[in-house]
Amino acid sequence: MTNKITGKYGEEIAKNFLIKKGYKILEMNFHYSKQSEIDIIAQKNNIIHFVEVKTRTQTLFGQPLEAITPQKLNAIYKCARFYLSQKKLNFDKIQIDAIGILLDKNDVKEINHIENISL
């Protein structure tokens, strides 16, 4: 499986994981620019969640969530601001979440969901 296919597979796993936890999916793969994309935008309890998903098939180069750099987080913030400027949504709060998925032969070995991450 290529990295791109692994990433898309992980995003589908994350989407279904969030739906089971009561989230409403608003958008998938929202682009602001070539360098800025949000994997999942969801809403729960009047909070808008901008979710970065990282999927790995091995931990040789670290855990999935260790791949979220300060630069990536900054790009997510910019994209989130752009998204909110374009949409008319009713919400109380926004936050950035991260979901790390570790696969073992296409089966989910581990899912870590960290809410409200920051620099």
PDB file of N, CA and C in Angstrom:
ATOM      1  N   MET A   1       0.855  -1.178   0.000  1.00  0.00           N
ATOM      2  CA  MET A   1       0.000   0.000   0.000  1.00  0.00           C
ATOM      3  C   MET A   1       0.899   1.238   0.000  1.00  0.00           C
ATOM      4  N   THR A   2       0.624   2.168  -0.907  1.00  0.00           N
ATOM      5  CA  THR A   2       1.411   3.406  -0.957  1.00  0.00           C
ATOM      6  C   THR A   2       1.064   4.308   0.224  1.00  0.00           C
ATOM      7  N   ASN A   3       1.912   5.309   0.475  1.00  0.00           N
ATOM      8  CA  ASN A   3       1.645   6.247   1.575  1.00  0.00           C
ATOM      9  C   ASN A   3       0.332   6.984   1.371  1.00  0.00           C
ATOM     10  N   LYS A   4       0.034   7.363   0.112  1.00  0.00           N
ATOM     11  CA  LYS A   4      -1.201   8.088  -0.173  1.00  0.00           C
ATOM     12  C   LYS A   4      -2.422   7.215   0.109  1.00  0.00           C
ATOM     13  N   ILE A   5      -2.370   5.966  -0.305  1.00  0.00           N
ATOM     14  CA  ILE A   5      -3.483   5.037  -0.057  1.00  0.00           C
ATOM     15  C   ILE A   5      -3.618   4.776   1.442  1.00  0.00           C
ATOM     16  N   THR A   6      -2.489   4.600   2.123  1.00  0.00           N
ATOM     17  CA  THR A   6      -2.515   4.391   3.577  1.00  0.00           C
ATOM     18  C   THR A   6      -3.153   5.589   4.266  1.00  0.00           C
ATOM     19  N   GLY A   7      -2.788   6.793   3.827  1.00  0.00           N
ATOM     20  CA  GLY A   7      -3.347   8.008   4.422  1.00  0.00           C
ATOM     21  C   GLY A   7      -4.850   8.106   4.222  1.00  0.00           C
ATOM     22  N   LYS A   8      -5.326   7.835   3.022  1.00  0.00           N
ATOM     23  CA  LYS A   8      -6.769   7.890   2.736  1.00  0.00           C
ATOM     24  C   LYS A   8      -7.520   6.823   3.527  1.00  0.00           C
ATOM     25  N   TYR A   9      -6.930   5.651   3.638  1.00  0.00           N
ATOM     26  CA  TYR A   9      -7.526   4.573   4.424  1.00  0.00           C
ATOM     27  C   TYR A   9      -7.638   4.993   5.890  1.00  0.00           C
ATOM     28  N   GLY A  10      -6.580   5.599   6.404  1.00  0.00           N
ATOM     29  CA  GLY A  10      -6.590   6.080   7.784  1.00  0.00           C
ATOM     30  C   GLY A  10      -7.635   7.160   8.014  1.00  0.00           C
ATOM     31  N   GLU A  11      -7.825   8.041   7.041  1.00  0.00           N
ATOM     32  CA  GLU A  11      -8.842   9.090   7.177  1.00  0.00           C
ATOM     33  C   GLU A  11     -10.245   8.491   7.233  1.00  0.00           C
ATOM     34  N   GLU A  12     -10.490   7.441   6.470  1.00  0.00           N
ATOM     35  CA  GLU A  12     -11.791   6.766   6.525  1.00  0.00           C
ATOM     36  C   GLU A  12     -11.998   6.098   7.884  1.00  0.00           C
ATOM     37  N   ILE A  13     -10.948   5.477   8.405  1.00  0.00           N
ATOM     38  CA  ILE A  13     -11.014   4.865   9.735  1.00  0.00           C
ATOM     39  C   ILE A  13     -11.313   5.938  10.777  1.00  0.00           C
ATOM     40  N   ALA A  14     -10.610   7.062  10.691  1.00  0.00           N
ATOM     41  CA  ALA A  14     -10.807   8.163  11.643  1.00  0.00           C
ATOM     42  C   ALA A  14     -12.218   8.727  11.539  1.00  0.00           C
ATOM     43  N   LYS A  15     -12.721   8.895  10.323  1.00  0.00           N
ATOM     44  CA  LYS A  15     -14.077   9.411  10.127  1.00  0.00           C
ATOM     45  C   LYS A  15     -15.084   8.500  10.817  1.00  0.00           C
ATOM     46  N   ASN A  16     -14.978   7.204  10.585  1.00  0.00           N
ATOM     47  CA  ASN A  16     -15.912   6.252  11.206  1.00  0.00           C
ATOM     48  C   ASN A  16     -15.762   6.223  12.723  1.00  0.00           C
ATOM     49  N   PHE A  17     -14.548   6.365  13.203  1.00  0.00           N
ATOM     50  CA  PHE A  17     -14.266   6.426  14.639  1.00  0.00           C
ATOM     51  C   PHE A  17     -14.989   7.633  15.260  1.00  0.00           C
ATOM     52  N   LEU A  18     -14.879   8.793  14.605  1.00  0.00           N
ATOM     53  CA  LEU A  18     -15.530  10.005  15.118  1.00  0.00           C
ATOM     54  C   LEU A  18     -17.052   9.889  15.070  1.00  0.00           C
ATOM     55  N   ILE A  19     -17.587   9.339  14.002  1.00  0.00           N
ATOM     56  CA  ILE A  19     -19.046   9.158  13.897  1.00  0.00           C
ATOM     57  C   ILE A  19     -19.548   8.291  15.039  1.00  0.00           C
ATOM     58  N   LYS A  20     -18.817   7.214  15.347  1.00  0.00           N
ATOM     59  CA  LYS A  20     -19.215   6.331  16.456  1.00  0.00           C
ATOM     60  C   LYS A  20     -19.164   7.055  17.800  1.00  0.00           C
ATOM     61  N   LYS A  21     -18.322   8.090  17.904  1.00  0.00           N
ATOM     62  CA  LYS A  21     -18.219   8.878  19.142  1.00  0.00           C
ATOM     63  C   LYS A  21     -19.205  10.046  19.171  1.00  0.00           C
ATOM     64  N   GLY A  22     -20.089  10.123  18.165  1.00  0.00           N
ATOM     65  CA  GLY A  22     -21.133  11.141  18.169  1.00  0.00           C
ATOM     66  C   GLY A  22     -20.816  12.423  17.420  1.00  0.00           C
ATOM     67  N   TYR A  23     -19.744  12.452  16.652  1.00  0.00           N
ATOM     68  CA  TYR A  23     -19.386  13.629  15.870  1.00  0.00           C
ATOM     69  C   TYR A  23     -20.176  13.645  14.560  1.00  0.00           C
ATOM     70  N   LYS A  24     -20.489  14.840  14.100  1.00  0.00           N
ATOM     71  CA  LYS A  24     -21.081  15.029  12.778  1.00  0.00           C
ATOM     72  C   LYS A  24     -19.963  15.497  11.849  1.00  0.00           C
ATOM     73  N   ILE A  25     -19.745  14.791  10.765  1.00  0.00           N
ATOM     74  CA  ILE A  25     -18.690  15.146   9.820  1.00  0.00           C
ATOM     75  C   ILE A  25     -19.209  16.261   8.908  1.00  0.00           C
ATOM     76  N   LEU A  26     -18.493  17.384   8.888  1.00  0.00           N
ATOM     77  CA  LEU A  26     -18.877  18.527   8.061  1.00  0.00           C
ATOM     78  C   LEU A  26     -18.142  18.535   6.727  1.00  0.00           C
ATOM     79  N   GLU A  27     -16.857  18.179   6.745  1.00  0.00           N
ATOM     80  CA  GLU A  27     -16.023  18.211   5.540  1.00  0.00           C
ATOM     81  C   GLU A  27     -14.911  17.171   5.675  1.00  0.00           C
ATOM     82  N   MET A  28     -14.460  16.707   4.526  1.00  0.00           N
ATOM     83  CA  MET A  28     -13.269  15.851   4.452  1.00  0.00           C
ATOM     84  C   MET A  28     -12.308  16.506   3.467  1.00  0.00           C
ATOM     85  N   ASN A  29     -11.035  16.530   3.802  1.00  0.00           N
ATOM     86  CA  ASN A  29      -9.973  17.028   2.924  1.00  0.00           C
ATOM     87  C   ASN A  29     -10.256  18.442   2.408  1.00  0.00           C
ATOM     88  N   PHE A  30     -10.476  19.360   3.328  1.00  0.00           N
ATOM     89  CA  PHE A  30     -10.719  20.758   2.979  1.00  0.00           C
ATOM     90  C   PHE A  30      -9.384  21.438   2.693  1.00  0.00           C
ATOM     91  N   HIS A  31      -9.236  21.995   1.486  1.00  0.00           N
ATOM     92  CA  HIS A  31      -7.988  22.628   1.056  1.00  0.00           C
ATOM     93  C   HIS A  31      -8.078  24.149   1.140  1.00  0.00           C
ATOM     94  N   TYR A  32      -7.022  24.734   1.654  1.00  0.00           N
ATOM     95  CA  TYR A  32      -6.852  26.192   1.655  1.00  0.00           C
ATOM     96  C   TYR A  32      -5.821  26.577   0.604  1.00  0.00           C
ATOM     97  N   SER A  33      -4.791  25.786   0.495  1.00  0.00           N
ATOM     98  CA  SER A  33      -3.750  25.993  -0.512  1.00  0.00           C
ATOM     99  C   SER A  33      -3.091  24.638  -0.751  1.00  0.00           C
ATOM    100  N   LYS A  34      -2.086  24.607  -1.598  1.00  0.00           N
ATOM    101  CA  LYS A  34      -1.384  23.344  -1.842  1.00  0.00           C
ATOM    102  C   LYS A  34      -0.701  22.817  -0.579  1.00  0.00           C
ATOM    103  N   GLN A  35      -0.315  23.726   0.300  1.00  0.00           N
ATOM    104  CA  GLN A  35       0.389  23.329   1.515  1.00  0.00           C
ATOM    105  C   GLN A  35      -0.525  23.169   2.722  1.00  0.00           C
ATOM    106  N   SER A  36      -1.793  23.520   2.600  1.00  0.00           N
ATOM    107  CA  SER A  36      -2.661  23.556   3.771  1.00  0.00           C
ATOM    108  C   SER A  36      -3.970  22.818   3.510  1.00  0.00           C
ATOM    109  N   GLU A  37      -4.162  21.757   4.280  1.00  0.00           N
ATOM    110  CA  GLU A  37      -5.362  20.942   4.161  1.00  0.00           C
ATOM    111  C   GLU A  37      -5.762  20.462   5.551  1.00  0.00           C
ATOM    112  N   ILE A  38      -7.049  20.356   5.759  1.00  0.00           N
ATOM    113  CA  ILE A  38      -7.552  19.752   6.992  1.00  0.00           C
ATOM    114  C   ILE A  38      -8.210  18.439   6.599  1.00  0.00           C
ATOM    115  N   ASP A  39      -7.783  17.370   7.259  1.00  0.00           N
ATOM    116  CA  ASP A  39      -8.275  16.038   6.903  1.00  0.00           C
ATOM    117  C   ASP A  39      -9.764  15.884   7.185  1.00  0.00           C
ATOM    118  N   ILE A  40     -10.178  16.259   8.395  1.00  0.00           N
ATOM    119  CA  ILE A  40     -11.588  16.114   8.788  1.00  0.00           C
ATOM    120  C   ILE A  40     -12.020  17.355   9.559  1.00  0.00           C
ATOM    121  N   ILE A  41     -13.185  17.871   9.209  1.00  0.00           N
ATOM    122  CA  ILE A  41     -13.813  18.933   9.990  1.00  0.00           C
ATOM    123  C   ILE A  41     -15.111  18.340  10.513  1.00  0.00           C
ATOM    124  N   ALA A  42     -15.253  18.371  11.826  1.00  0.00           N
ATOM    125  CA  ALA A  42     -16.406  17.732  12.458  1.00  0.00           C
ATOM    126  C   ALA A  42     -16.987  18.649  13.525  1.00  0.00           C
ATOM    127  N   GLN A  43     -18.195  18.332  13.960  1.00  0.00           N
ATOM    128  CA  GLN A  43     -18.852  19.115  15.007  1.00  0.00           C
ATOM    129  C   GLN A  43     -19.449  18.175  16.044  1.00  0.00           C
ATOM    130  N   LYS A  44     -19.280  18.541  17.301  1.00  0.00           N
ATOM    131  CA  LYS A  44     -19.886  17.814  18.420  1.00  0.00           C
ATOM    132  C   LYS A  44     -20.074  18.792  19.571  1.00  0.00           C
ATOM    133  N   ASN A  45     -21.236  18.772  20.163  1.00  0.00           N
ATOM    134  CA  ASN A  45     -21.535  19.641  21.311  1.00  0.00           C
ATOM    135  C   ASN A  45     -21.231  21.107  21.018  1.00  0.00           C
ATOM    136  N   ASN A  46     -21.592  21.549  19.830  1.00  0.00           N
ATOM    137  CA  ASN A  46     -21.414  22.935  19.404  1.00  0.00           C
ATOM    138  C   ASN A  46     -19.950  23.385  19.377  1.00  0.00           C
ATOM    139  N   ILE A  47     -19.055  22.412  19.208  1.00  0.00           N
ATOM    140  CA  ILE A  47     -17.628  22.675  19.042  1.00  0.00           C
ATOM    141  C   ILE A  47     -17.239  22.194  17.647  1.00  0.00           C
ATOM    142  N   ILE A  48     -16.526  23.047  16.906  1.00  0.00           N
ATOM    143  CA  ILE A  48     -16.001  22.653  15.603  1.00  0.00           C
ATOM    144  C   ILE A  48     -14.601  22.072  15.827  1.00  0.00           C
ATOM    145  N   HIS A  49     -14.387  20.858  15.341  1.00  0.00           N
ATOM    146  CA  HIS A  49     -13.117  20.157  15.492  1.00  0.00           C
ATOM    147  C   HIS A  49     -12.422  20.074  14.131  1.00  0.00           C
ATOM    148  N   PHE A  50     -11.205  20.587  14.067  1.00  0.00           N
ATOM    149  CA  PHE A  50     -10.365  20.466  12.882  1.00  0.00           C
ATOM    150  C   PHE A  50      -9.379  19.345  13.191  1.00  0.00           C
ATOM    151  N   VAL A  51      -9.511  18.233  12.471  1.00  0.00           N
ATOM    152  CA  VAL A  51      -8.810  17.004  12.845  1.00  0.00           C
ATOM    153  C   VAL A  51      -7.718  16.650  11.840  1.00  0.00           C
ATOM    154  N   GLU A  52      -6.513  16.504  12.338  1.00  0.00           N
ATOM    155  CA  GLU A  52      -5.380  16.021  11.545  1.00  0.00           C
ATOM    156  C   GLU A  52      -5.233  14.524  11.817  1.00  0.00           C
ATOM    157  N   VAL A  53      -5.144  13.740  10.744  1.00  0.00           N
ATOM    158  CA  VAL A  53      -5.031  12.294  10.864  1.00  0.00           C
ATOM    159  C   VAL A  53      -3.664  11.861  10.357  1.00  0.00           C
ATOM    160  N   LYS A  54      -2.976  11.074  11.151  1.00  0.00           N
ATOM    161  CA  LYS A  54      -1.694  10.508  10.752  1.00  0.00           C
ATOM    162  C   LYS A  54      -1.785   8.986  10.890  1.00  0.00           C
ATOM    163  N   THR A  55      -1.472   8.293   9.801  1.00  0.00           N
ATOM    164  CA  THR A  55      -1.578   6.837   9.767  1.00  0.00           C
ATOM    165  C   THR A  55      -0.221   6.246   9.423  1.00  0.00           C
ATOM    166  N   ARG A  56       0.150   5.218  10.150  1.00  0.00           N
ATOM    167  CA  ARG A  56       1.414   4.538   9.910  1.00  0.00           C
ATOM    168  C   ARG A  56       1.193   3.020   9.925  1.00  0.00           C
ATOM    169  N   THR A  57       2.057   2.316   9.193  1.00  0.00           N
ATOM    170  CA  THR A  57       2.023   0.856   9.197  1.00  0.00           C
ATOM    171  C   THR A  57       3.153   0.283  10.046  1.00  0.00           C
ATOM    172  N   GLN A  58       4.033   1.162  10.500  1.00  0.00           N
ATOM    173  CA  GLN A  58       5.128   0.751  11.375  1.00  0.00           C
ATOM    174  C   GLN A  58       5.589   1.957  12.197  1.00  0.00           C
ATOM    175  N   THR A  59       6.369   1.679  13.232  1.00  0.00           N
ATOM    176  CA  THR A  59       6.836   2.762  14.102  1.00  0.00           C
ATOM    177  C   THR A  59       8.346   2.971  13.999  1.00  0.00           C
ATOM    178  N   LEU A  60       8.938   2.478  12.935  1.00  0.00           N
ATOM    179  CA  LEU A  60      10.374   2.608  12.735  1.00  0.00           C
ATOM    180  C   LEU A  60      10.836   4.064  12.811  1.00  0.00           C
ATOM    181  N   PHE A  61      10.016   4.977  12.292  1.00  0.00           N
ATOM    182  CA  PHE A  61      10.361   6.403  12.308  1.00  0.00           C
ATOM    183  C   PHE A  61       9.529   7.173  13.331  1.00  0.00           C
ATOM    184  N   GLY A  62       8.946   6.481  14.301  1.00  0.00           N
ATOM    185  CA  GLY A  62       8.182   7.130  15.357  1.00  0.00           C
ATOM    186  C   GLY A  62       6.699   6.808  15.283  1.00  0.00           C
ATOM    187  N   GLN A  63       5.995   7.237  16.310  1.00  0.00           N
ATOM    188  CA  GLN A  63       4.545   7.055  16.381  1.00  0.00           C
ATOM    189  C   GLN A  63       3.855   8.001  15.395  1.00  0.00           C
ATOM    190  N   PRO A  64       2.644   7.662  14.953  1.00  0.00           N
ATOM    191  CA  PRO A  64       1.949   8.509  13.971  1.00  0.00           C
ATOM    192  C   PRO A  64       1.835   9.978  14.380  1.00  0.00           C
ATOM    193  N   LEU A  65       1.467  10.239  15.628  1.00  0.00           N
ATOM    194  CA  LEU A  65       1.236  11.621  16.047  1.00  0.00           C
ATOM    195  C   LEU A  65       2.525  12.438  16.151  1.00  0.00           C
ATOM    196  N   GLU A  66       3.664  11.771  16.192  1.00  0.00           N
ATOM    197  CA  GLU A  66       4.938  12.489  16.236  1.00  0.00           C
ATOM    198  C   GLU A  66       5.236  13.188  14.910  1.00  0.00           C
ATOM    199  N   ALA A  67       4.465  12.867  13.876  1.00  0.00           N
ATOM    200  CA  ALA A  67       4.666  13.479  12.560  1.00  0.00           C
ATOM    201  C   ALA A  67       3.984  14.840  12.426  1.00  0.00           C
ATOM    202  N   ILE A  68       3.267  15.272  13.451  1.00  0.00           N
ATOM    203  CA  ILE A  68       2.626  16.586  13.400  1.00  0.00           C
ATOM    204  C   ILE A  68       3.627  17.621  13.904  1.00  0.00           C
ATOM    205  N   THR A  69       4.158  18.373  12.965  1.00  0.00           N
ATOM    206  CA  THR A  69       5.183  19.366  13.269  1.00  0.00           C
ATOM    207  C   THR A  69       4.541  20.711  13.609  1.00  0.00           C
ATOM    208  N   PRO A  70       5.301  21.619  14.212  1.00  0.00           N
ATOM    209  CA  PRO A  70       4.774  22.971  14.432  1.00  0.00           C
ATOM    210  C   PRO A  70       4.354  23.643  13.121  1.00  0.00           C
ATOM    211  N   GLN A  71       5.082  23.376  12.037  1.00  0.00           N
ATOM    212  CA  GLN A  71       4.731  23.958  10.737  1.00  0.00           C
ATOM    213  C   GLN A  71       3.376  23.421  10.257  1.00  0.00           C
ATOM    214  N   LYS A  72       3.151  22.119  10.435  1.00  0.00           N
ATOM    215  CA  LYS A  72       1.881  21.520  10.031  1.00  0.00           C
ATOM    216  C   LYS A  72       0.744  22.100  10.869  1.00  0.00           C
ATOM    217  N   LEU A  73       0.955  22.239  12.150  1.00  0.00           N
ATOM    218  CA  LEU A  73      -0.066  22.793  13.038  1.00  0.00           C
ATOM    219  C   LEU A  73      -0.389  24.235  12.657  1.00  0.00           C
ATOM    220  N   ASN A  74       0.616  25.001  12.315  1.00  0.00           N
ATOM    221  CA  ASN A  74       0.419  26.377  11.870  1.00  0.00           C
ATOM    222  C   ASN A  74      -0.411  26.414  10.581  1.00  0.00           C
ATOM    223  N   ALA A  75      -0.133  25.510   9.659  1.00  0.00           N
ATOM    224  CA  ALA A  75      -0.903  25.434   8.408  1.00  0.00           C
ATOM    225  C   ALA A  75      -2.360  25.069   8.689  1.00  0.00           C
ATOM    226  N   ILE A  76      -2.591  24.201   9.666  1.00  0.00           N
ATOM    227  CA  ILE A  76      -3.961  23.831  10.035  1.00  0.00           C
ATOM    228  C   ILE A  76      -4.696  25.040  10.603  1.00  0.00           C
ATOM    229  N   TYR A  77      -4.033  25.819  11.454  1.00  0.00           N
ATOM    230  CA  TYR A  77      -4.640  27.043  11.997  1.00  0.00           C
ATOM    231  C   TYR A  77      -5.065  27.993  10.878  1.00  0.00           C
ATOM    232  N   LYS A  78      -4.179  28.205   9.905  1.00  0.00           N
ATOM    233  CA  LYS A  78      -4.496  29.097   8.786  1.00  0.00           C
ATOM    234  C   LYS A  78      -5.685  28.575   7.990  1.00  0.00           C
ATOM    235  N   CYS A  79      -5.676  27.286   7.728  1.00  0.00           N
ATOM    236  CA  CYS A  79      -6.766  26.676   6.967  1.00  0.00           C
ATOM    237  C   CYS A  79      -8.076  26.755   7.749  1.00  0.00           C
ATOM    238  N   ALA A  80      -8.019  26.555   9.050  1.00  0.00           N
ATOM    239  CA  ALA A  80      -9.223  26.634   9.894  1.00  0.00           C
ATOM    240  C   ALA A  80      -9.801  28.053   9.873  1.00  0.00           C
ATOM    241  N   ARG A  81      -8.937  29.050   9.957  1.00  0.00           N
ATOM    242  CA  ARG A  81      -9.415  30.438   9.899  1.00  0.00           C
ATOM    243  C   ARG A  81     -10.086  30.720   8.554  1.00  0.00           C
ATOM    244  N   PHE A  82      -9.488  30.238   7.469  1.00  0.00           N
ATOM    245  CA  PHE A  82     -10.077  30.421   6.146  1.00  0.00           C
ATOM    246  C   PHE A  82     -11.433  29.722   6.061  1.00  0.00           C
ATOM    247  N   TYR A  83     -11.505  28.487   6.545  1.00  0.00           N
ATOM    248  CA  TYR A  83     -12.760  27.728   6.520  1.00  0.00           C
ATOM    249  C   TYR A  83     -13.864  28.492   7.251  1.00  0.00           C
ATOM    250  N   LEU A  84     -13.553  28.979   8.444  1.00  0.00           N
ATOM    251  CA  LEU A  84     -14.553  29.688   9.244  1.00  0.00           C
ATOM    252  C   LEU A  84     -14.976  30.994   8.582  1.00  0.00           C
ATOM    253  N   SER A  85     -14.073  31.625   7.835  1.00  0.00           N
ATOM    254  CA  SER A  85     -14.433  32.865   7.138  1.00  0.00           C
ATOM    255  C   SER A  85     -15.365  32.594   5.956  1.00  0.00           C
ATOM    256  N   GLN A  86     -15.345  31.375   5.449  1.00  0.00           N
ATOM    257  CA  GLN A  86     -16.165  31.021   4.295  1.00  0.00           C
ATOM    258  C   GLN A  86     -17.527  30.436   4.662  1.00  0.00           C
ATOM    259  N   LYS A  87     -17.656  29.908   5.865  1.00  0.00           N
ATOM    260  CA  LYS A  87     -18.875  29.206   6.281  1.00  0.00           C
ATOM    261  C   LYS A  87     -19.627  30.005   7.326  1.00  0.00           C
ATOM    262  N   LYS A  88     -20.903  29.867   7.308  1.00  0.00           N
ATOM    263  CA  LYS A  88     -21.741  30.479   8.342  1.00  0.00           C
ATOM    264  C   LYS A  88     -22.213  29.364   9.271  1.00  0.00           C
ATOM    265  N   LEU A  89     -21.442  29.151  10.318  1.00  0.00           N
ATOM    266  CA  LEU A  89     -21.726  28.070  11.251  1.00  0.00           C
ATOM    267  C   LEU A  89     -22.051  28.629  12.623  1.00  0.00           C
ATOM    268  N   ASN A  90     -22.879  27.921  13.325  1.00  0.00           N
ATOM    269  CA  ASN A  90     -23.207  28.282  14.703  1.00  0.00           C
ATOM    270  C   ASN A  90     -22.394  27.362  15.618  1.00  0.00           C
ATOM    271  N   PHE A  91     -21.471  27.944  16.392  1.00  0.00           N
ATOM    272  CA  PHE A  91     -20.639  27.137  17.279  1.00  0.00           C
ATOM    273  C   PHE A  91     -20.197  27.980  18.465  1.00  0.00           C
ATOM    274  N   ASP A  92     -19.824  27.294  19.536  1.00  0.00           N
ATOM    275  CA  ASP A  92     -19.347  27.974  20.742  1.00  0.00           C
ATOM    276  C   ASP A  92     -17.830  28.061  20.793  1.00  0.00           C
ATOM    277  N   LYS A  93     -17.163  27.082  20.198  1.00  0.00           N
ATOM    278  CA  LYS A  93     -15.715  26.975  20.348  1.00  0.00           C
ATOM    279  C   LYS A  93     -15.158  26.195  19.158  1.00  0.00           C
ATOM    280  N   ILE A  94     -13.880  26.412  18.870  1.00  0.00           N
ATOM    281  CA  ILE A  94     -13.187  25.584  17.888  1.00  0.00           C
ATOM    282  C   ILE A  94     -11.976  24.951  18.562  1.00  0.00           C
ATOM    283  N   GLN A  95     -11.534  23.836  18.004  1.00  0.00           N
ATOM    284  CA  GLN A  95     -10.309  23.238  18.505  1.00  0.00           C
ATOM    285  C   GLN A  95      -9.694  22.358  17.429  1.00  0.00           C
ATOM    286  N   ILE A  96      -8.402  22.126  17.580  1.00  0.00           N
ATOM    287  CA  ILE A  96      -7.684  21.237  16.680  1.00  0.00           C
ATOM    288  C   ILE A  96      -7.418  19.941  17.423  1.00  0.00           C
ATOM    289  N   ASP A  97      -7.792  18.848  16.775  1.00  0.00           N
ATOM    290  CA  ASP A  97      -7.585  17.515  17.328  1.00  0.00           C
ATOM    291  C   ASP A  97      -6.628  16.746  16.430  1.00  0.00           C
ATOM    292  N   ALA A  98      -6.087  15.669  16.955  1.00  0.00           N
ATOM    293  CA  ALA A  98      -5.224  14.788  16.174  1.00  0.00           C
ATOM    294  C   ALA A  98      -5.641  13.346  16.422  1.00  0.00           C
ATOM    295  N   ILE A  99      -5.624  12.576  15.358  1.00  0.00           N
ATOM    296  CA  ILE A  99      -5.887  11.143  15.470  1.00  0.00           C
ATOM    297  C   ILE A  99      -4.713  10.412  14.844  1.00  0.00           C
ATOM    298  N   GLY A 100      -4.079   9.555  15.628  1.00  0.00           N
ATOM    299  CA  GLY A 100      -2.985   8.718  15.147  1.00  0.00           C
ATOM    300  C   GLY A 100      -3.475   7.292  15.017  1.00  0.00           C
ATOM    301  N   ILE A 101      -3.206   6.705  13.876  1.00  0.00           N
ATOM    302  CA  ILE A 101      -3.659   5.336  13.613  1.00  0.00           C
ATOM    303  C   ILE A 101      -2.452   4.485  13.255  1.00  0.00           C
ATOM    304  N   LEU A 102      -2.332   3.355  13.920  1.00  0.00           N
ATOM    305  CA  LEU A 102      -1.286   2.388  13.624  1.00  0.00           C
ATOM    306  C   LEU A 102      -1.966   1.148  13.066  1.00  0.00           C
ATOM    307  N   LEU A 103      -1.546   0.765  11.858  1.00  0.00           N
ATOM    308  CA  LEU A 103      -2.140  -0.389  11.181  1.00  0.00           C
ATOM    309  C   LEU A 103      -1.223  -1.599  11.288  1.00  0.00           C
ATOM    310  N   ASP A 104      -1.841  -2.766  11.282  1.00  0.00           N
ATOM    311  CA  ASP A 104      -1.120  -4.028  11.227  1.00  0.00           C
ATOM    312  C   ASP A 104      -1.787  -4.857  10.138  1.00  0.00           C
ATOM    313  N   LYS A 105      -1.166  -4.903   8.974  1.00  0.00           N
ATOM    314  CA  LYS A 105      -1.730  -5.619   7.818  1.00  0.00           C
ATOM    315  C   LYS A 105      -3.153  -5.159   7.518  1.00  0.00           C
ATOM    316  N   ASN A 106      -3.336  -3.849   7.412  1.00  0.00           N
ATOM    317  CA  ASN A 106      -4.611  -3.200   7.094  1.00  0.00           C
ATOM    318  C   ASN A 106      -5.654  -3.279   8.202  1.00  0.00           C
ATOM    319  N   ASP A 107      -5.336  -3.933   9.304  1.00  0.00           N
ATOM    320  CA  ASP A 107      -6.231  -3.937  10.465  1.00  0.00           C
ATOM    321  C   ASP A 107      -5.755  -2.873  11.444  1.00  0.00           C
ATOM    322  N   VAL A 108      -6.702  -2.257  12.122  1.00  0.00           N
ATOM    323  CA  VAL A 108      -6.352  -1.218  13.086  1.00  0.00           C
ATOM    324  C   VAL A 108      -5.739  -1.865  14.324  1.00  0.00           C
ATOM    325  N   LYS A 109      -4.518  -1.498  14.585  1.00  0.00           N
ATOM    326  CA  LYS A 109      -3.825  -1.986  15.774  1.00  0.00           C
ATOM    327  C   LYS A 109      -4.044  -1.024  16.940  1.00  0.00           C
ATOM    328  N   GLU A 110      -4.058   0.276  16.610  1.00  0.00           N
ATOM    329  CA  GLU A 110      -4.158   1.292  17.662  1.00  0.00           C
ATOM    330  C   GLU A 110      -4.711   2.597  17.086  1.00  0.00           C
ATOM    331  N   ILE A 111      -5.611   3.238  17.842  1.00  0.00           N
ATOM    332  CA  ILE A 111      -6.103   4.582  17.496  1.00  0.00           C
ATOM    333  C   ILE A 111      -5.923   5.468  18.719  1.00  0.00           C
ATOM    334  N   ASN A 112      -5.257   6.601  18.525  1.00  0.00           N
ATOM    335  CA  ASN A 112      -5.096   7.592  19.584  1.00  0.00           C
ATOM    336  C   ASN A 112      -5.766   8.885  19.134  1.00  0.00           C
ATOM    337  N   HIS A 113      -6.699   9.372  19.940  1.00  0.00           N
ATOM    338  CA  HIS A 113      -7.397  10.624  19.639  1.00  0.00           C
ATOM    339  C   HIS A 113      -7.026  11.626  20.726  1.00  0.00           C
ATOM    340  N   ILE A 114      -6.338  12.676  20.327  1.00  0.00           N
ATOM    341  CA  ILE A 114      -5.962  13.733  21.266  1.00  0.00           C
ATOM    342  C   ILE A 114      -6.728  14.978  20.887  1.00  0.00           C
ATOM    343  N   GLU A 115      -7.492  15.496  21.833  1.00  0.00           N
ATOM    344  CA  GLU A 115      -8.308  16.673  21.588  1.00  0.00           C
ATOM    345  C   GLU A 115      -7.581  17.952  22.015  1.00  0.00           C
ATOM    346  N   ASN A 116      -7.872  19.020  21.253  1.00  0.00           N
ATOM    347  CA  ASN A 116      -7.417  20.365  21.577  1.00  0.00           C
ATOM    348  C   ASN A 116      -5.894  20.480  21.699  1.00  0.00           C
ATOM    349  N   ILE A 117      -5.205  20.096  20.635  1.00  0.00           N
ATOM    350  CA  ILE A 117      -3.748  20.192  20.629  1.00  0.00           C
ATOM    351  C   ILE A 117      -3.329  21.627  20.303  1.00  0.00           C
ATOM    352  N   SER A 118      -2.129  21.991  20.672  1.00  0.00           N
ATOM    353  CA  SER A 118      -1.612  23.328  20.372  1.00  0.00           C
ATOM    354  C   SER A 118      -0.089  23.264  20.326  1.00  0.00           C
ATOM    355  N   LEU A 119       0.509  24.396  19.961  1.00  0.00           N
ATOM    356  CA  LEU A 119       1.973  24.477  19.908  1.00  0.00           C
ATOM    357  C   LEU A 119       2.555  24.503  21.300  1.00  0.00           C
TER     358      LEU A 119
END
